[in-house]
């Protein structure tokens, strides 16, 4: 379960995207499960997930994209010292 796929190209092969094996497995799982739970409770998360599915991504790929987005939001909050404020509907 990688939150950021990395290309591992070799020779003539390109686009060989594989999930990252490094990092804190427990923390990645927390973000994945958090994204999964947010589908039912957060309309913005559901809209993002539905948009990724419409782009042709599979369920797991769309969920990982949502988890990555949540990581980015959390990082921005920590960086800026801000509290979470949901976007106005």
PDB file of N, CA and C in Angstrom:
ATOM      1  N   UNK A   1       0.844  -1.173   0.000  1.00  0.00           N
ATOM      2  CA  UNK A   1       0.000   0.000   0.000  1.00  0.00           C
ATOM      3  C   UNK A   1       0.887   1.232   0.000  1.00  0.00           C
ATOM      4  N   UNK A   2       1.250   1.739  -1.164  1.00  0.00           N
ATOM      5  CA  UNK A   2       2.106   2.913  -1.235  1.00  0.00           C
ATOM      6  C   UNK A   2       1.283   4.156  -1.500  1.00  0.00           C
ATOM      7  N   UNK A   3       1.631   5.210  -0.845  1.00  0.00           N
ATOM      8  CA  UNK A   3       0.896   6.450  -1.064  1.00  0.00           C
ATOM      9  C   UNK A   3       1.493   7.240  -2.211  1.00  0.00           C
ATOM     10  N   UNK A   4       2.703   6.908  -2.629  1.00  0.00           N
ATOM     11  CA  UNK A   4       3.333   7.601  -3.737  1.00  0.00           C
ATOM     12  C   UNK A   4       4.014   6.573  -4.636  1.00  0.00           C
ATOM     13  N   UNK A   5       3.404   6.227  -5.773  1.00  0.00           N
ATOM     14  CA  UNK A   5       4.051   5.261  -6.658  1.00  0.00           C
ATOM     15  C   UNK A   5       5.339   5.833  -7.226  1.00  0.00           C
ATOM     16  N   UNK A   6       6.324   4.998  -7.409  1.00  0.00           N
ATOM     17  CA  UNK A   6       7.608   5.447  -7.937  1.00  0.00           C
ATOM     18  C   UNK A   6       7.954   4.631  -9.174  1.00  0.00           C
ATOM     19  N   UNK A   7       8.471   5.312 -10.180  1.00  0.00           N
ATOM     20  CA  UNK A   7       8.873   4.618 -11.399  1.00  0.00           C
ATOM     21  C   UNK A   7      10.196   3.908 -11.148  1.00  0.00           C
ATOM     22  N   UNK A   8      10.266   2.660 -11.554  1.00  0.00           N
ATOM     23  CA  UNK A   8      11.505   1.898 -11.448  1.00  0.00           C
ATOM     24  C   UNK A   8      11.831   1.384 -12.847  1.00  0.00           C
ATOM     25  N   UNK A   9      12.223   2.312 -13.702  1.00  0.00           N
ATOM     26  CA  UNK A   9      12.494   1.978 -15.088  1.00  0.00           C
ATOM     27  C   UNK A   9      13.876   1.344 -15.213  1.00  0.00           C
ATOM     28  N   UNK A  10      13.987   0.424 -16.135  1.00  0.00           N
ATOM     29  CA  UNK A  10      15.255  -0.240 -16.370  1.00  0.00           C
ATOM     30  C   UNK A  10      15.401  -0.497 -17.862  1.00  0.00           C
ATOM     31  N   UNK A  11      16.489  -0.004 -18.434  1.00  0.00           N
ATOM     32  CA  UNK A  11      16.740  -0.254 -19.850  1.00  0.00           C
ATOM     33  C   UNK A  11      15.646   0.294 -20.732  1.00  0.00           C
ATOM     34  N   UNK A  12      15.059  -0.563 -21.549  1.00  0.00           N
ATOM     35  CA  UNK A  12      14.033  -0.134 -22.495  1.00  0.00           C
ATOM     36  C   UNK A  12      12.648  -0.101 -21.879  1.00  0.00           C
ATOM     37  N   UNK A  13      12.503  -0.650 -20.697  1.00  0.00           N
ATOM     38  CA  UNK A  13      11.189  -0.670 -20.058  1.00  0.00           C
ATOM     39  C   UNK A  13      10.928   0.672 -19.389  1.00  0.00           C
ATOM     40  N   UNK A  14       9.754   1.247 -19.696  1.00  0.00           N
ATOM     41  CA  UNK A  14       9.385   2.521 -19.081  1.00  0.00           C
ATOM     42  C   UNK A  14       7.982   2.397 -18.522  1.00  0.00           C
ATOM     43  N   UNK A  15       7.690   3.240 -17.569  1.00  0.00           N
ATOM     44  CA  UNK A  15       6.354   3.251 -16.992  1.00  0.00           C
ATOM     45  C   UNK A  15       6.095   2.080 -16.073  1.00  0.00           C
ATOM     46  N   UNK A  16       7.136   1.505 -15.522  1.00  0.00           N
ATOM     47  CA  UNK A  16       6.976   0.383 -14.606  1.00  0.00           C
ATOM     48  C   UNK A  16       6.726   0.926 -13.202  1.00  0.00           C
ATOM     49  N   UNK A  17       5.517   1.363 -12.958  1.00  0.00           N
ATOM     50  CA  UNK A  17       5.189   1.967 -11.664  1.00  0.00           C
ATOM     51  C   UNK A  17       4.840   0.898 -10.655  1.00  0.00           C
ATOM     52  N   UNK A  18       5.555   0.902  -9.587  1.00  0.00           N
ATOM     53  CA  UNK A  18       5.300  -0.043  -8.502  1.00  0.00           C
ATOM     54  C   UNK A  18       5.129   0.728  -7.218  1.00  0.00           C
ATOM     55  N   UNK A  19       4.402   0.175  -6.300  1.00  0.00           N
ATOM     56  CA  UNK A  19       4.206   0.864  -5.034  1.00  0.00           C
ATOM     57  C   UNK A  19       5.480   0.819  -4.211  1.00  0.00           C
ATOM     58  N   UNK A  20       5.665   1.857  -3.429  1.00  0.00           N
ATOM     59  CA  UNK A  20       6.853   1.949  -2.594  1.00  0.00           C
ATOM     60  C   UNK A  20       6.745   0.949  -1.440  1.00  0.00           C
ATOM     61  N   UNK A  21       7.800   0.282  -1.149  1.00  0.00           N
ATOM     62  CA  UNK A  21       7.816  -0.689  -0.059  1.00  0.00           C
ATOM     63  C   UNK A  21       8.357  -0.087   1.232  1.00  0.00           C
ATOM     64  N   UNK A  22       8.990   1.063   1.121  1.00  0.00           N
ATOM     65  CA  UNK A  22       9.594   1.673   2.303  1.00  0.00           C
ATOM     66  C   UNK A  22       8.586   2.466   3.109  1.00  0.00           C
ATOM     67  N   UNK A  23       9.057   3.065   4.166  1.00  0.00           N
ATOM     68  CA  UNK A  23       8.211   3.916   4.994  1.00  0.00           C
ATOM     69  C   UNK A  23       7.586   3.155   6.141  1.00  0.00           C
ATOM     70  N   UNK A  24       6.840   3.869   6.922  1.00  0.00           N
ATOM     71  CA  UNK A  24       6.194   3.326   8.102  1.00  0.00           C
ATOM     72  C   UNK A  24       4.889   2.649   7.682  1.00  0.00           C
ATOM     73  N   UNK A  25       4.878   1.332   7.743  1.00  0.00           N
ATOM     74  CA  UNK A  25       3.705   0.571   7.303  1.00  0.00           C
ATOM     75  C   UNK A  25       2.453   0.894   8.113  1.00  0.00           C
ATOM     76  N   UNK A  26       2.625   1.021   9.417  1.00  0.00           N
ATOM     77  CA  UNK A  26       1.473   1.306  10.278  1.00  0.00           C
ATOM     78  C   UNK A  26       0.871   2.670   9.944  1.00  0.00           C
ATOM     79  N   UNK A  27       1.727   3.658   9.697  1.00  0.00           N
ATOM     80  CA  UNK A  27       1.238   4.992   9.376  1.00  0.00           C
ATOM     81  C   UNK A  27       0.534   5.002   8.019  1.00  0.00           C
ATOM     82  N   UNK A  28       1.074   4.271   7.040  1.00  0.00           N
ATOM     83  CA  UNK A  28       0.415   4.173   5.736  1.00  0.00           C
ATOM     84  C   UNK A  28      -0.963   3.525   5.888  1.00  0.00           C
ATOM     85  N   UNK A  29      -1.037   2.519   6.727  1.00  0.00           N
ATOM     86  CA  UNK A  29      -2.322   1.852   6.965  1.00  0.00           C
ATOM     87  C   UNK A  29      -3.328   2.799   7.611  1.00  0.00           C
ATOM     88  N   UNK A  30      -2.860   3.618   8.547  1.00  0.00           N
ATOM     89  CA  UNK A  30      -3.737   4.591   9.203  1.00  0.00           C
ATOM     90  C   UNK A  30      -4.339   5.545   8.171  1.00  0.00           C
ATOM     91  N   UNK A  31      -3.511   6.047   7.266  1.00  0.00           N
ATOM     92  CA  UNK A  31      -4.020   6.974   6.258  1.00  0.00           C
ATOM     93  C   UNK A  31      -4.959   6.283   5.279  1.00  0.00           C
ATOM     94  N   UNK A  32      -4.659   5.045   4.922  1.00  0.00           N
ATOM     95  CA  UNK A  32      -5.522   4.288   4.012  1.00  0.00           C
ATOM     96  C   UNK A  32      -6.896   4.065   4.656  1.00  0.00           C
ATOM     97  N   UNK A  33      -6.899   3.615   5.897  1.00  0.00           N
ATOM     98  CA  UNK A  33      -8.171   3.374   6.593  1.00  0.00           C
ATOM     99  C   UNK A  33      -8.922   4.675   6.856  1.00  0.00           C
ATOM    100  N   UNK A  34      -8.183   5.731   7.122  1.00  0.00           N
ATOM    101  CA  UNK A  34      -8.803   7.039   7.322  1.00  0.00           C
ATOM    102  C   UNK A  34      -9.506   7.493   6.042  1.00  0.00           C
ATOM    103  N   UNK A  35      -8.850   7.284   4.906  1.00  0.00           N
ATOM    104  CA  UNK A  35      -9.454   7.651   3.627  1.00  0.00           C
ATOM    105  C   UNK A  35     -10.706   6.812   3.376  1.00  0.00           C
ATOM    106  N   UNK A  36     -10.633   5.534   3.679  1.00  0.00           N
ATOM    107  CA  UNK A  36     -11.772   4.647   3.479  1.00  0.00           C
ATOM    108  C   UNK A  36     -12.966   5.074   4.333  1.00  0.00           C
ATOM    109  N   UNK A  37     -12.696   5.413   5.604  1.00  0.00           N
ATOM    110  CA  UNK A  37     -13.770   5.835   6.502  1.00  0.00           C
ATOM    111  C   UNK A  37     -14.358   7.178   6.075  1.00  0.00           C
ATOM    112  N   UNK A  38     -13.538   8.038   5.492  1.00  0.00           N
ATOM    113  CA  UNK A  38     -14.020   9.372   5.127  1.00  0.00           C
ATOM    114  C   UNK A  38     -14.983   9.338   3.942  1.00  0.00           C
ATOM    115  N   UNK A  39     -15.012   8.237   3.210  1.00  0.00           N
ATOM    116  CA  UNK A  39     -15.929   8.150   2.065  1.00  0.00           C
ATOM    117  C   UNK A  39     -17.381   8.277   2.505  1.00  0.00           C
ATOM    118  N   UNK A  40     -17.684   7.763   3.682  1.00  0.00           N
ATOM    119  CA  UNK A  40     -19.075   7.801   4.159  1.00  0.00           C
ATOM    120  C   UNK A  40     -19.423   9.104   4.862  1.00  0.00           C
ATOM    121  N   UNK A  41     -18.431   9.789   5.420  1.00  0.00           N
ATOM    122  CA  UNK A  41     -18.736  10.928   6.277  1.00  0.00           C
ATOM    123  C   UNK A  41     -18.402  12.291   5.686  1.00  0.00           C
ATOM    124  N   UNK A  42     -17.516  12.331   4.713  1.00  0.00           N
ATOM    125  CA  UNK A  42     -17.059  13.612   4.183  1.00  0.00           C
ATOM    126  C   UNK A  42     -17.404  13.737   2.703  1.00  0.00           C
ATOM    127  N   UNK A  43     -18.337  14.634   2.374  1.00  0.00           N
ATOM    128  CA  UNK A  43     -18.738  14.788   0.970  1.00  0.00           C
ATOM    129  C   UNK A  43     -17.572  15.154   0.042  1.00  0.00           C
ATOM    130  N   UNK A  44     -16.622  15.955   0.515  1.00  0.00           N
ATOM    131  CA  UNK A  44     -15.484  16.339  -0.328  1.00  0.00           C
ATOM    132  C   UNK A  44     -14.620  15.121  -0.653  1.00  0.00           C
ATOM    133  N   UNK A  45     -14.437  14.246   0.306  1.00  0.00           N
ATOM    134  CA  UNK A  45     -13.656  13.026   0.068  1.00  0.00           C
ATOM    135  C   UNK A  45     -14.378  12.123  -0.923  1.00  0.00           C
ATOM    136  N   UNK A  46     -15.684  12.015  -0.772  1.00  0.00           N
ATOM    137  CA  UNK A  46     -16.472  11.180  -1.682  1.00  0.00           C
ATOM    138  C   UNK A  46     -16.409  11.732  -3.100  1.00  0.00           C
ATOM    139  N   UNK A  47     -16.481  13.058  -3.233  1.00  0.00           N
ATOM    140  CA  UNK A  47     -16.420  13.678  -4.560  1.00  0.00           C
ATOM    141  C   UNK A  47     -15.053  13.430  -5.208  1.00  0.00           C
ATOM    142  N   UNK A  48     -13.975  13.545  -4.424  1.00  0.00           N
ATOM    143  CA  UNK A  48     -12.632  13.289  -4.946  1.00  0.00           C
ATOM    144  C   UNK A  48     -12.507  11.837  -5.384  1.00  0.00           C
ATOM    145  N   UNK A  49     -12.989  10.915  -4.546  1.00  0.00           N
ATOM    146  CA  UNK A  49     -12.935   9.483  -4.861  1.00  0.00           C
ATOM    147  C   UNK A  49     -13.728   9.184  -6.136  1.00  0.00           C
ATOM    148  N   UNK A  50     -14.943   9.730  -6.233  1.00  0.00           N
ATOM    149  CA  UNK A  50     -15.777   9.507  -7.418  1.00  0.00           C
ATOM    150  C   UNK A  50     -15.112  10.064  -8.681  1.00  0.00           C
ATOM    151  N   UNK A  51     -14.440  11.214  -8.548  1.00  0.00           N
ATOM    152  CA  UNK A  51     -13.747  11.796  -9.693  1.00  0.00           C
ATOM    153  C   UNK A  51     -12.609  10.891 -10.156  1.00  0.00           C
ATOM    154  N   UNK A  52     -11.873  10.317  -9.215  1.00  0.00           N
ATOM    155  CA  UNK A  52     -10.784   9.401  -9.571  1.00  0.00           C
ATOM    156  C   UNK A  52     -11.330   8.129 -10.216  1.00  0.00           C
ATOM    157  N   UNK A  53     -12.449   7.642  -9.730  1.00  0.00           N
ATOM    158  CA  UNK A  53     -13.067   6.458 -10.332  1.00  0.00           C
ATOM    159  C   UNK A  53     -13.521   6.766 -11.756  1.00  0.00           C
ATOM    160  N   UNK A  54     -14.068   7.975 -11.971  1.00  0.00           N
ATOM    161  CA  UNK A  54     -14.502   8.379 -13.305  1.00  0.00           C
ATOM    162  C   UNK A  54     -13.320   8.502 -14.259  1.00  0.00           C
ATOM    163  N   UNK A  55     -12.130   8.770 -13.719  1.00  0.00           N
ATOM    164  CA  UNK A  55     -10.917   8.845 -14.536  1.00  0.00           C
ATOM    165  C   UNK A  55     -10.439   7.465 -14.952  1.00  0.00           C
ATOM    166  N   UNK A  56     -11.061   6.420 -14.394  1.00  0.00           N
ATOM    167  CA  UNK A  56     -10.691   5.063 -14.772  1.00  0.00           C
ATOM    168  C   UNK A  56      -9.833   4.339 -13.755  1.00  0.00           C
ATOM    169  N   UNK A  57      -9.602   4.958 -12.603  1.00  0.00           N
ATOM    170  CA  UNK A  57      -8.807   4.295 -11.578  1.00  0.00           C
ATOM    171  C   UNK A  57      -9.640   3.231 -10.878  1.00  0.00           C
ATOM    172  N   UNK A  58      -8.983   2.180 -10.429  1.00  0.00           N
ATOM    173  CA  UNK A  58      -9.668   1.144  -9.666  1.00  0.00           C
ATOM    174  C   UNK A  58      -9.909   1.645  -8.253  1.00  0.00           C
ATOM    175  N   UNK A  59     -10.728   0.899  -7.509  1.00  0.00           N
ATOM    176  CA  UNK A  59     -11.088   1.294  -6.145  1.00  0.00           C
ATOM    177  C   UNK A  59      -9.852   1.561  -5.293  1.00  0.00           C
ATOM    178  N   UNK A  60      -8.922   0.628  -5.278  1.00  0.00           N
ATOM    179  CA  UNK A  60      -7.737   0.767  -4.423  1.00  0.00           C
ATOM    180  C   UNK A  60      -6.890   1.950  -4.862  1.00  0.00           C
ATOM    181  N   UNK A  61      -6.738   2.150  -6.155  1.00  0.00           N
ATOM    182  CA  UNK A  61      -5.952   3.276  -6.659  1.00  0.00           C
ATOM    183  C   UNK A  61      -6.591   4.602  -6.264  1.00  0.00           C
ATOM    184  N   UNK A  62      -7.908   4.688  -6.378  1.00  0.00           N
ATOM    185  CA  UNK A  62      -8.610   5.921  -6.007  1.00  0.00           C
ATOM    186  C   UNK A  62      -8.503   6.167  -4.507  1.00  0.00           C
ATOM    187  N   UNK A  63      -8.562   5.104  -3.728  1.00  0.00           N
ATOM    188  CA  UNK A  63      -8.450   5.236  -2.272  1.00  0.00           C
ATOM    189  C   UNK A  63      -7.052   5.687  -1.872  1.00  0.00           C
ATOM    190  N   UNK A  64      -6.037   5.166  -2.525  1.00  0.00           N
ATOM    191  CA  UNK A  64      -4.662   5.582  -2.232  1.00  0.00           C
ATOM    192  C   UNK A  64      -4.458   7.038  -2.638  1.00  0.00           C
ATOM    193  N   UNK A  65      -5.061   7.461  -3.745  1.00  0.00           N
ATOM    194  CA  UNK A  65      -4.979   8.862  -4.159  1.00  0.00           C
ATOM    195  C   UNK A  65      -5.633   9.763  -3.112  1.00  0.00           C
ATOM    196  N   UNK A  66      -6.757   9.324  -2.571  1.00  0.00           N
ATOM    197  CA  UNK A  66      -7.434  10.081  -1.511  1.00  0.00           C
ATOM    198  C   UNK A  66      -6.582  10.131  -0.251  1.00  0.00           C
ATOM    199  N   UNK A  67      -5.962   9.020   0.107  1.00  0.00           N
ATOM    200  CA  UNK A  67      -5.090   8.991   1.283  1.00  0.00           C
ATOM    201  C   UNK A  67      -3.926   9.956   1.086  1.00  0.00           C
ATOM    202  N   UNK A  68      -3.361   9.962  -0.108  1.00  0.00           N
ATOM    203  CA  UNK A  68      -2.245  10.868  -0.397  1.00  0.00           C
ATOM    204  C   UNK A  68      -2.691  12.316  -0.286  1.00  0.00           C
ATOM    205  N   UNK A  69      -3.883  12.609  -0.753  1.00  0.00           N
ATOM    206  CA  UNK A  69      -4.401  13.976  -0.647  1.00  0.00           C
ATOM    207  C   UNK A  69      -4.559  14.381   0.816  1.00  0.00           C
ATOM    208  N   UNK A  70      -5.024  13.452   1.640  1.00  0.00           N
ATOM    209  CA  UNK A  70      -5.178  13.730   3.071  1.00  0.00           C
ATOM    210  C   UNK A  70      -3.821  13.962   3.735  1.00  0.00           C
ATOM    211  N   UNK A  71      -2.796  13.223   3.291  1.00  0.00           N
ATOM    212  CA  UNK A  71      -1.435  13.440   3.797  1.00  0.00           C
ATOM    213  C   UNK A  71      -0.972  14.845   3.442  1.00  0.00           C
ATOM    214  N   UNK A  72      -1.238  15.264   2.210  1.00  0.00           N
ATOM    215  CA  UNK A  72      -0.826  16.601   1.785  1.00  0.00           C
ATOM    216  C   UNK A  72      -1.510  17.686   2.608  1.00  0.00           C
ATOM    217  N   UNK A  73      -2.790  17.513   2.902  1.00  0.00           N
ATOM    218  CA  UNK A  73      -3.519  18.492   3.714  1.00  0.00           C
ATOM    219  C   UNK A  73      -2.947  18.534   5.127  1.00  0.00           C
ATOM    220  N   UNK A  74      -2.688  17.367   5.698  1.00  0.00           N
ATOM    221  CA  UNK A  74      -2.125  17.310   7.051  1.00  0.00           C
ATOM    222  C   UNK A  74      -0.754  17.976   7.084  1.00  0.00           C
ATOM    223  N   UNK A  75       0.076  17.703   6.090  1.00  0.00           N
ATOM    224  CA  UNK A  75       1.400  18.308   6.037  1.00  0.00           C
ATOM    225  C   UNK A  75       1.298  19.832   5.952  1.00  0.00           C
ATOM    226  N   UNK A  76       0.383  20.353   5.135  1.00  0.00           N
ATOM    227  CA  UNK A  76       0.207  21.798   5.014  1.00  0.00           C
ATOM    228  C   UNK A  76      -0.261  22.407   6.333  1.00  0.00           C
ATOM    229  N   UNK A  77      -1.129  21.695   7.047  1.00  0.00           N
ATOM    230  CA  UNK A  77      -1.590  22.185   8.347  1.00  0.00           C
ATOM    231  C   UNK A  77      -0.435  22.257   9.339  1.00  0.00           C
ATOM    232  N   UNK A  78       0.389  21.230   9.378  1.00  0.00           N
ATOM    233  CA  UNK A  78       1.541  21.217  10.286  1.00  0.00           C
ATOM    234  C   UNK A  78       2.550  22.295   9.902  1.00  0.00           C
ATOM    235  N   UNK A  79       2.815  22.438   8.611  1.00  0.00           N
ATOM    236  CA  UNK A  79       3.783  23.411   8.122  1.00  0.00           C
ATOM    237  C   UNK A  79       3.373  24.844   8.461  1.00  0.00           C
ATOM    238  N   UNK A  80       2.075  25.135   8.278  1.00  0.00           N
ATOM    239  CA  UNK A  80       1.582  26.496   8.461  1.00  0.00           C
ATOM    240  C   UNK A  80       1.047  26.769   9.862  1.00  0.00           C
ATOM    241  N   UNK A  81       0.979  25.739  10.691  1.00  0.00           N
ATOM    242  CA  UNK A  81       0.446  25.915  12.044  1.00  0.00           C
ATOM    243  C   UNK A  81      -1.029  26.264  12.043  1.00  0.00           C
ATOM    244  N   UNK A  82      -1.768  25.745  11.106  1.00  0.00           N
ATOM    245  CA  UNK A  82      -3.197  26.040  10.955  1.00  0.00           C
ATOM    246  C   UNK A  82      -4.052  24.893  11.494  1.00  0.00           C
ATOM    247  N   UNK A  83      -5.285  25.223  11.795  1.00  0.00           N
ATOM    248  CA  UNK A  83      -6.273  24.208  12.134  1.00  0.00           C
ATOM    249  C   UNK A  83      -7.051  23.862  10.884  1.00  0.00           C
ATOM    250  N   UNK A  84      -7.651  22.684  10.883  1.00  0.00           N
ATOM    251  CA  UNK A  84      -8.429  22.254   9.714  1.00  0.00           C
ATOM    252  C   UNK A  84      -9.718  23.035   9.649  1.00  0.00           C
ATOM    253  N   UNK A  85      -9.967  23.607   8.471  1.00  0.00           N
ATOM    254  CA  UNK A  85     -11.224  24.290   8.192  1.00  0.00           C
ATOM    255  C   UNK A  85     -11.784  23.724   6.919  1.00  0.00           C
ATOM    256  N   UNK A  86     -12.883  22.959   7.009  1.00  0.00           N
ATOM    257  CA  UNK A  86     -13.450  22.368   5.782  1.00  0.00           C
ATOM    258  C   UNK A  86     -13.874  23.465   4.808  1.00  0.00           C
ATOM    259  N   UNK A  87     -13.709  23.183   3.540  1.00  0.00           N
ATOM    260  CA  UNK A  87     -14.107  24.151   2.507  1.00  0.00           C
ATOM    261  C   UNK A  87     -15.614  24.327   2.543  1.00  0.00           C
ATOM    262  N   UNK A  88     -16.047  25.543   2.263  1.00  0.00           N
ATOM    263  CA  UNK A  88     -17.483  25.822   2.231  1.00  0.00           C
ATOM    264  C   UNK A  88     -18.105  25.092   1.054  1.00  0.00           C
ATOM    265  N   UNK A  89     -19.314  24.550   1.281  1.00  0.00           N
ATOM    266  CA  UNK A  89     -20.002  23.793   0.230  1.00  0.00           C
ATOM    267  C   UNK A  89     -20.552  24.701  -0.757  1.00  0.00           C
TER     268      UNK A  89
END
